[in-house]
N, C-alpha and C. Protein backbone atom coordinates (compact mmCIF):
# COMPACT_ATOMS: atom_id res chain seq x y z
N MET A 1 84.71 98.39 112.02
CA MET A 1 86.16 98.23 112.06
C MET A 1 86.67 97.43 110.86
N LYS A 2 85.83 96.58 110.34
CA LYS A 2 86.26 95.76 109.20
C LYS A 2 86.71 96.64 108.03
N LYS A 3 86.00 97.73 107.79
CA LYS A 3 86.35 98.63 106.69
C LYS A 3 87.70 99.30 106.94
N THR A 4 87.94 99.74 108.16
CA THR A 4 89.22 100.38 108.50
C THR A 4 90.37 99.40 108.34
N ILE A 5 90.17 98.19 108.84
CA ILE A 5 91.23 97.17 108.75
C ILE A 5 91.49 96.81 107.29
N GLN A 6 90.43 96.70 106.50
CA GLN A 6 90.59 96.42 105.07
C GLN A 6 91.30 97.57 104.37
N SER A 7 91.04 98.79 104.79
CA SER A 7 91.72 99.96 104.22
C SER A 7 93.21 99.92 104.50
N ILE A 8 93.59 99.47 105.68
CA ILE A 8 95.03 99.32 105.99
C ILE A 8 95.64 98.30 105.04
N ARG A 9 94.98 97.16 104.87
CA ARG A 9 95.51 96.12 103.97
C ARG A 9 95.67 96.67 102.54
N GLU A 10 94.66 97.34 102.04
CA GLU A 10 94.71 97.87 100.68
C GLU A 10 95.80 98.92 100.53
N LEU A 11 95.95 99.76 101.54
CA LEU A 11 96.97 100.80 101.50
C LEU A 11 98.37 100.20 101.46
N ILE A 12 98.64 99.24 102.30
CA ILE A 12 100.00 98.69 102.33
C ILE A 12 100.31 97.92 101.04
N GLN A 13 99.30 97.27 100.48
CA GLN A 13 99.54 96.54 99.22
C GLN A 13 99.83 97.50 98.07
N SER A 14 99.04 98.56 97.96
CA SER A 14 99.28 99.51 96.86
C SER A 14 100.55 100.31 97.10
N ALA A 15 100.80 100.70 98.35
CA ALA A 15 101.99 101.50 98.65
C ALA A 15 103.27 100.71 98.39
N LYS A 16 103.26 99.43 98.71
CA LYS A 16 104.46 98.61 98.49
C LYS A 16 104.85 98.65 97.02
N LYS A 17 103.86 98.51 96.15
CA LYS A 17 104.12 98.54 94.71
C LYS A 17 104.64 99.91 94.27
N GLU A 18 104.04 100.96 94.78
CA GLU A 18 104.46 102.32 94.40
C GLU A 18 105.87 102.63 94.90
N ILE A 19 106.15 102.24 96.14
CA ILE A 19 107.46 102.53 96.73
C ILE A 19 108.56 101.80 95.98
N GLU A 20 108.28 100.60 95.52
CA GLU A 20 109.27 99.84 94.76
C GLU A 20 109.69 100.57 93.48
N LEU A 21 108.83 101.42 92.95
CA LEU A 21 109.10 102.11 91.69
C LEU A 21 109.83 103.45 91.85
N ILE A 22 109.98 103.92 93.06
CA ILE A 22 110.65 105.20 93.28
C ILE A 22 112.15 105.03 93.04
N PRO A 23 112.73 105.85 92.17
CA PRO A 23 114.18 105.74 91.94
C PRO A 23 114.97 105.96 93.23
N ASN A 24 116.07 105.24 93.38
CA ASN A 24 116.87 105.31 94.60
C ASN A 24 117.33 106.72 94.93
N ASP A 25 117.74 107.50 93.92
CA ASP A 25 118.23 108.84 94.22
C ASP A 25 117.13 109.71 94.84
N ILE A 26 115.91 109.52 94.43
CA ILE A 26 114.78 110.25 95.01
C ILE A 26 114.42 109.68 96.37
N PHE A 27 114.43 108.37 96.47
CA PHE A 27 114.05 107.68 97.71
C PHE A 27 115.01 108.00 98.86
N GLU A 28 116.27 108.17 98.54
CA GLU A 28 117.28 108.39 99.56
C GLU A 28 117.64 109.87 99.78
N ASN A 29 117.08 110.75 98.98
CA ASN A 29 117.41 112.17 99.08
C ASN A 29 116.86 112.78 100.37
N LYS A 30 117.74 113.46 101.10
CA LYS A 30 117.33 114.20 102.29
C LYS A 30 117.15 115.66 101.86
N PRO A 31 115.92 116.18 101.92
CA PRO A 31 115.68 117.56 101.46
C PRO A 31 116.50 118.59 102.23
N LEU A 32 116.71 118.34 103.51
CA LEU A 32 117.56 119.16 104.37
C LEU A 32 118.24 118.20 105.35
N PRO A 33 119.41 118.59 105.89
CA PRO A 33 120.11 117.67 106.80
C PRO A 33 119.25 117.17 107.97
N HIS A 34 118.33 117.99 108.46
CA HIS A 34 117.52 117.60 109.62
C HIS A 34 116.16 117.01 109.22
N LYS A 35 115.89 116.89 107.92
CA LYS A 35 114.63 116.32 107.43
C LYS A 35 114.85 114.88 106.99
N TRP A 36 113.82 114.07 107.18
CA TRP A 36 113.90 112.67 106.77
C TRP A 36 113.79 112.52 105.26
N SER A 37 114.54 111.56 104.74
CA SER A 37 114.37 111.13 103.35
C SER A 37 113.11 110.25 103.28
N LYS A 38 112.67 109.94 102.09
CA LYS A 38 111.55 109.02 101.92
C LYS A 38 111.89 107.66 102.56
N LYS A 39 113.13 107.28 102.45
CA LYS A 39 113.59 106.02 103.04
C LYS A 39 113.48 106.07 104.56
N GLU A 40 113.84 107.20 105.14
CA GLU A 40 113.73 107.34 106.60
C GLU A 40 112.27 107.45 107.04
N ILE A 41 111.42 108.03 106.20
CA ILE A 41 109.99 108.05 106.53
C ILE A 41 109.47 106.61 106.57
N LEU A 42 109.91 105.79 105.63
CA LEU A 42 109.53 104.37 105.67
C LEU A 42 110.05 103.73 106.96
N GLY A 43 111.25 104.08 107.37
CA GLY A 43 111.78 103.59 108.64
C GLY A 43 110.92 104.02 109.81
N HIS A 44 110.49 105.27 109.78
CA HIS A 44 109.58 105.76 110.83
C HIS A 44 108.30 104.93 110.84
N LEU A 45 107.80 104.56 109.67
CA LEU A 45 106.59 103.74 109.60
C LEU A 45 106.83 102.34 110.16
N ILE A 46 108.06 101.86 110.08
CA ILE A 46 108.40 100.58 110.71
C ILE A 46 108.33 100.73 112.22
N ASP A 47 108.90 101.81 112.75
CA ASP A 47 108.83 102.06 114.19
C ASP A 47 107.38 102.20 114.65
N SER A 48 106.59 102.90 113.86
CA SER A 48 105.18 103.08 114.18
C SER A 48 104.44 101.73 114.17
N ALA A 49 104.73 100.92 113.17
CA ALA A 49 104.10 99.59 113.09
C ALA A 49 104.48 98.76 114.32
N LEU A 50 105.74 98.79 114.69
CA LEU A 50 106.20 98.02 115.85
C LEU A 50 105.46 98.45 117.11
N ASN A 51 105.38 99.74 117.32
CA ASN A 51 104.71 100.26 118.52
C ASN A 51 103.21 99.98 118.50
N ASN A 52 102.58 100.12 117.35
CA ASN A 52 101.14 99.88 117.29
C ASN A 52 100.80 98.40 117.30
N TRP A 53 101.66 97.57 116.74
CA TRP A 53 101.49 96.11 116.82
C TRP A 53 101.47 95.71 118.30
N LYS A 54 102.42 96.23 119.05
CA LYS A 54 102.50 95.94 120.49
C LYS A 54 101.25 96.45 121.21
N ARG A 55 100.86 97.67 120.93
CA ARG A 55 99.68 98.25 121.57
C ARG A 55 98.43 97.44 121.28
N ILE A 56 98.19 97.15 120.00
CA ILE A 56 96.99 96.42 119.62
C ILE A 56 96.97 95.03 120.26
N SER A 57 98.11 94.37 120.24
CA SER A 57 98.20 93.04 120.85
C SER A 57 97.93 93.09 122.35
N GLU A 58 98.57 94.03 123.02
CA GLU A 58 98.45 94.08 124.48
C GLU A 58 97.10 94.62 124.94
N ILE A 59 96.53 95.58 124.23
CA ILE A 59 95.22 96.10 124.60
C ILE A 59 94.18 94.99 124.54
N SER A 60 94.36 94.06 123.62
CA SER A 60 93.35 93.02 123.42
C SER A 60 93.23 92.08 124.62
N PHE A 61 94.26 91.97 125.45
CA PHE A 61 94.16 91.09 126.61
C PHE A 61 94.37 91.80 127.95
N CYS A 62 94.59 93.10 127.87
CA CYS A 62 94.85 93.88 129.08
C CYS A 62 93.61 93.94 129.97
N GLU A 63 93.82 93.76 131.25
CA GLU A 63 92.76 93.96 132.24
C GLU A 63 92.74 95.45 132.59
N GLY A 64 91.64 96.09 132.39
CA GLY A 64 91.55 97.52 132.68
C GLY A 64 92.07 98.35 131.53
N THR A 65 92.50 99.55 131.83
CA THR A 65 92.96 100.50 130.81
C THR A 65 94.44 100.28 130.53
N TYR A 66 94.79 100.26 129.26
CA TYR A 66 96.17 100.06 128.81
C TYR A 66 96.90 101.39 128.79
N ASN A 67 98.09 101.43 129.37
CA ASN A 67 98.92 102.64 129.36
C ASN A 67 99.92 102.55 128.21
N SER A 68 99.81 103.48 127.29
CA SER A 68 100.68 103.51 126.12
C SER A 68 101.89 104.38 126.39
N LEU A 69 103.03 103.88 126.02
CA LEU A 69 104.26 104.65 126.18
C LEU A 69 104.56 105.43 124.90
N ASN A 70 105.21 106.55 125.04
CA ASN A 70 105.65 107.34 123.91
C ASN A 70 106.94 106.73 123.37
N TYR A 71 107.29 107.07 122.14
CA TYR A 71 108.57 106.63 121.62
C TYR A 71 109.25 107.80 120.91
N ALA A 72 110.56 107.80 120.97
CA ALA A 72 111.36 108.91 120.45
C ALA A 72 111.59 108.72 118.95
N GLN A 73 110.71 109.30 118.17
CA GLN A 73 110.70 109.08 116.72
C GLN A 73 112.03 109.40 116.05
N ASP A 74 112.53 110.59 116.26
CA ASP A 74 113.77 111.01 115.60
C ASP A 74 114.95 110.14 116.02
N HIS A 75 115.04 109.86 117.30
CA HIS A 75 116.15 109.03 117.79
C HIS A 75 116.07 107.61 117.23
N LEU A 76 114.86 107.07 117.10
CA LEU A 76 114.73 105.72 116.55
C LEU A 76 115.12 105.67 115.08
N VAL A 77 114.74 106.67 114.32
CA VAL A 77 115.11 106.71 112.90
C VAL A 77 116.63 106.75 112.77
N LYS A 78 117.28 107.56 113.60
CA LYS A 78 118.75 107.65 113.54
C LYS A 78 119.41 106.36 114.04
N SER A 79 118.97 105.86 115.19
CA SER A 79 119.64 104.70 115.79
C SER A 79 119.42 103.42 114.99
N ASN A 80 118.33 103.35 114.24
CA ASN A 80 118.09 102.16 113.41
C ASN A 80 118.77 102.25 112.04
N LEU A 81 119.42 103.38 111.78
CA LEU A 81 120.22 103.56 110.55
C LEU A 81 119.43 103.24 109.29
N TYR A 82 118.19 103.70 109.25
CA TYR A 82 117.34 103.39 108.10
C TYR A 82 117.90 103.93 106.79
N GLN A 83 118.59 105.06 106.84
CA GLN A 83 119.15 105.64 105.63
C GLN A 83 120.20 104.71 105.01
N GLU A 84 120.86 103.90 105.83
CA GLU A 84 121.91 103.01 105.33
C GLU A 84 121.39 101.60 105.02
N LYS A 85 120.21 101.28 105.44
CA LYS A 85 119.66 99.92 105.31
C LYS A 85 119.18 99.66 103.88
N ASP A 86 119.24 98.42 103.47
CA ASP A 86 118.76 98.02 102.15
C ASP A 86 117.27 98.32 102.02
N ARG A 87 116.90 98.98 100.96
CA ARG A 87 115.53 99.41 100.71
C ARG A 87 114.55 98.24 100.66
N THR A 88 114.92 97.15 99.99
CA THR A 88 114.03 96.00 99.88
C THR A 88 113.78 95.39 101.24
N ASP A 89 114.81 95.30 102.06
CA ASP A 89 114.64 94.78 103.42
C ASP A 89 113.68 95.65 104.22
N LEU A 90 113.85 96.97 104.13
CA LEU A 90 112.96 97.88 104.85
C LEU A 90 111.52 97.73 104.39
N LEU A 91 111.32 97.69 103.11
CA LEU A 91 109.98 97.60 102.55
C LEU A 91 109.31 96.28 102.94
N ASN A 92 110.06 95.20 102.88
CA ASN A 92 109.50 93.89 103.25
C ASN A 92 109.17 93.83 104.74
N LEU A 93 110.03 94.40 105.57
CA LEU A 93 109.78 94.42 107.01
C LEU A 93 108.52 95.22 107.31
N TRP A 94 108.42 96.42 106.73
CA TRP A 94 107.24 97.27 106.93
C TRP A 94 105.97 96.55 106.48
N PHE A 95 106.03 95.93 105.32
CA PHE A 95 104.86 95.25 104.78
C PHE A 95 104.44 94.08 105.68
N CYS A 96 105.39 93.25 106.07
CA CYS A 96 105.07 92.08 106.91
C CYS A 96 104.52 92.50 108.29
N MET A 97 105.09 93.54 108.86
CA MET A 97 104.61 94.00 110.16
C MET A 97 103.16 94.47 110.05
N ASN A 98 102.85 95.17 108.98
CA ASN A 98 101.48 95.65 108.80
C ASN A 98 100.52 94.53 108.46
N GLU A 99 100.97 93.53 107.74
CA GLU A 99 100.13 92.36 107.50
C GLU A 99 99.76 91.70 108.83
N GLN A 100 100.70 91.67 109.77
CA GLN A 100 100.41 91.09 111.09
C GLN A 100 99.42 91.96 111.86
N ILE A 101 99.57 93.28 111.77
CA ILE A 101 98.61 94.18 112.41
C ILE A 101 97.22 93.94 111.86
N VAL A 102 97.10 93.81 110.55
CA VAL A 102 95.80 93.52 109.93
C VAL A 102 95.28 92.18 110.42
N PHE A 103 96.13 91.18 110.43
CA PHE A 103 95.72 89.83 110.83
C PHE A 103 95.19 89.80 112.26
N ILE A 104 95.92 90.38 113.19
CA ILE A 104 95.45 90.33 114.58
C ILE A 104 94.21 91.19 114.77
N SER A 105 94.16 92.32 114.06
CA SER A 105 93.00 93.22 114.20
C SER A 105 91.73 92.58 113.67
N GLN A 106 91.83 91.90 112.55
CA GLN A 106 90.63 91.31 111.96
C GLN A 106 90.16 90.07 112.72
N ASN A 107 91.00 89.55 113.59
CA ASN A 107 90.62 88.37 114.37
C ASN A 107 90.24 88.68 115.81
N LEU A 108 90.16 89.96 116.15
CA LEU A 108 89.74 90.35 117.49
C LEU A 108 88.23 90.23 117.63
N ALA A 109 87.79 89.86 118.81
CA ALA A 109 86.36 89.89 119.11
C ALA A 109 85.91 91.34 119.08
N GLU A 110 84.72 91.58 118.58
CA GLU A 110 84.20 92.95 118.38
C GLU A 110 84.27 93.79 119.66
N GLU A 111 83.99 93.19 120.80
CA GLU A 111 83.98 93.97 122.05
C GLU A 111 85.37 94.47 122.45
N LYS A 112 86.43 93.86 121.93
CA LYS A 112 87.79 94.28 122.26
C LYS A 112 88.09 95.69 121.74
N PHE A 113 87.40 96.10 120.68
CA PHE A 113 87.65 97.41 120.09
C PHE A 113 87.22 98.55 121.02
N ASP A 114 86.47 98.22 122.06
CA ASP A 114 86.07 99.23 123.05
C ASP A 114 87.04 99.30 124.23
N ASN A 115 88.07 98.42 124.26
CA ASN A 115 89.06 98.47 125.32
C ASN A 115 89.75 99.83 125.32
N LYS A 116 90.06 100.33 126.51
CA LYS A 116 90.60 101.68 126.67
C LYS A 116 92.13 101.71 126.66
N ILE A 117 92.64 102.86 126.19
CA ILE A 117 94.07 103.12 126.17
C ILE A 117 94.30 104.55 126.66
N ILE A 118 95.29 104.70 127.51
CA ILE A 118 95.73 106.04 127.93
C ILE A 118 96.95 106.39 127.08
N LEU A 119 96.82 107.45 126.31
CA LEU A 119 97.91 107.90 125.44
C LEU A 119 98.98 108.61 126.28
N PRO A 120 100.18 108.75 125.74
CA PRO A 120 101.25 109.42 126.50
C PRO A 120 100.89 110.82 126.98
N ASP A 121 99.98 111.50 126.27
CA ASP A 121 99.58 112.85 126.69
C ASP A 121 98.43 112.84 127.71
N GLY A 122 97.99 111.63 128.12
CA GLY A 122 96.95 111.51 129.13
C GLY A 122 95.54 111.31 128.60
N GLN A 123 95.35 111.49 127.29
CA GLN A 123 94.02 111.28 126.72
C GLN A 123 93.63 109.80 126.83
N ILE A 124 92.35 109.56 127.04
CA ILE A 124 91.85 108.18 127.07
C ILE A 124 91.06 107.94 125.79
N LYS A 125 91.46 106.91 125.07
CA LYS A 125 90.83 106.55 123.79
C LYS A 125 90.50 105.06 123.83
N THR A 126 90.00 104.56 122.70
CA THR A 126 89.69 103.14 122.58
C THR A 126 90.60 102.49 121.55
N LEU A 127 90.60 101.17 121.54
CA LEU A 127 91.35 100.44 120.53
C LEU A 127 90.81 100.78 119.14
N LYS A 128 89.51 100.93 119.02
CA LYS A 128 88.90 101.34 117.74
C LYS A 128 89.51 102.65 117.27
N TRP A 129 89.63 103.63 118.15
CA TRP A 129 90.22 104.91 117.80
C TRP A 129 91.68 104.71 117.37
N LEU A 130 92.42 103.89 118.11
CA LEU A 130 93.83 103.68 117.83
C LEU A 130 94.04 103.12 116.43
N ILE A 131 93.23 102.17 116.03
CA ILE A 131 93.38 101.56 114.71
C ILE A 131 93.02 102.57 113.62
N LYS A 132 91.98 103.35 113.83
CA LYS A 132 91.63 104.39 112.86
C LYS A 132 92.73 105.45 112.76
N ASP A 133 93.28 105.83 113.90
CA ASP A 133 94.36 106.80 113.92
C ASP A 133 95.60 106.25 113.21
N TYR A 134 95.86 104.96 113.40
CA TYR A 134 96.99 104.32 112.73
C TYR A 134 96.82 104.38 111.21
N LEU A 135 95.61 104.11 110.72
CA LEU A 135 95.35 104.22 109.29
C LEU A 135 95.63 105.64 108.79
N GLU A 136 95.16 106.65 109.52
CA GLU A 136 95.39 108.04 109.11
C GLU A 136 96.88 108.36 109.09
N HIS A 137 97.61 107.86 110.08
CA HIS A 137 99.06 108.07 110.14
C HIS A 137 99.74 107.42 108.94
N LEU A 138 99.34 106.21 108.62
CA LEU A 138 99.89 105.52 107.44
C LEU A 138 99.60 106.31 106.17
N GLN A 139 98.36 106.75 106.01
CA GLN A 139 97.98 107.49 104.81
C GLN A 139 98.82 108.75 104.66
N HIS A 140 99.01 109.46 105.77
CA HIS A 140 99.80 110.70 105.74
C HIS A 140 101.23 110.43 105.26
N HIS A 141 101.89 109.45 105.86
CA HIS A 141 103.29 109.22 105.53
C HIS A 141 103.47 108.50 104.20
N VAL A 142 102.56 107.63 103.83
CA VAL A 142 102.64 107.01 102.51
C VAL A 142 102.49 108.08 101.43
N SER A 143 101.63 109.05 101.67
CA SER A 143 101.49 110.16 100.74
C SER A 143 102.79 110.95 100.63
N GLN A 144 103.46 111.17 101.74
CA GLN A 144 104.76 111.88 101.72
C GLN A 144 105.78 111.11 100.88
N ILE A 145 105.77 109.79 101.00
CA ILE A 145 106.73 108.98 100.27
C ILE A 145 106.39 108.92 98.78
N CYS A 146 105.14 108.71 98.46
CA CYS A 146 104.75 108.42 97.07
C CYS A 146 104.37 109.64 96.24
N ASN A 147 103.98 110.73 96.89
CA ASN A 147 103.42 111.85 96.12
C ASN A 147 104.25 113.12 96.15
N SER A 148 105.37 113.12 96.81
CA SER A 148 106.12 114.39 96.83
C SER A 148 107.49 114.23 96.23
C-alpha cells in the first residue's frame, strides 16, 4: 500500500503544477453544454476526494463491514458551482484534501487495509482496493484535465 499511497502524493504534486499552467480559456471551456469543463472535472475530483476521505477515515474504525453511499456526481458539480469558482481556490482545496487522504492512509495500521466496504452496487471490497481504485480514478481525470 505504501507504493499506491506514494503514487497518489506524486500525482497530486505533479498535477497541481500542470493544472496551474493551463490557460483559463482552455480550463473553463465546456466542449458541449452537457459536458464538464476541465475546471468542472477538477470540481468532480474535489467531490471524489471528499467522499473517499470520509470512506477511508470511517472504514479505519468501523466495526464490521462499512456501507458506502453513492453520490450524485453531476448534481454535485452543478450545485457546487465549480465553473464559477476561483480556479486557485479549487486547486488548493483539491490538493489539500488529497494531502489529508495521503496522510491518514499512510498512518493506518497495515491490518486496516483489509477492512471491508460494501459499495453502492452491492460489491464487497477492501480498503486496500478502495485506495487503489481512488488512484486509478485520479489518474483518469487528471489525464482528462492535463492531456486533452
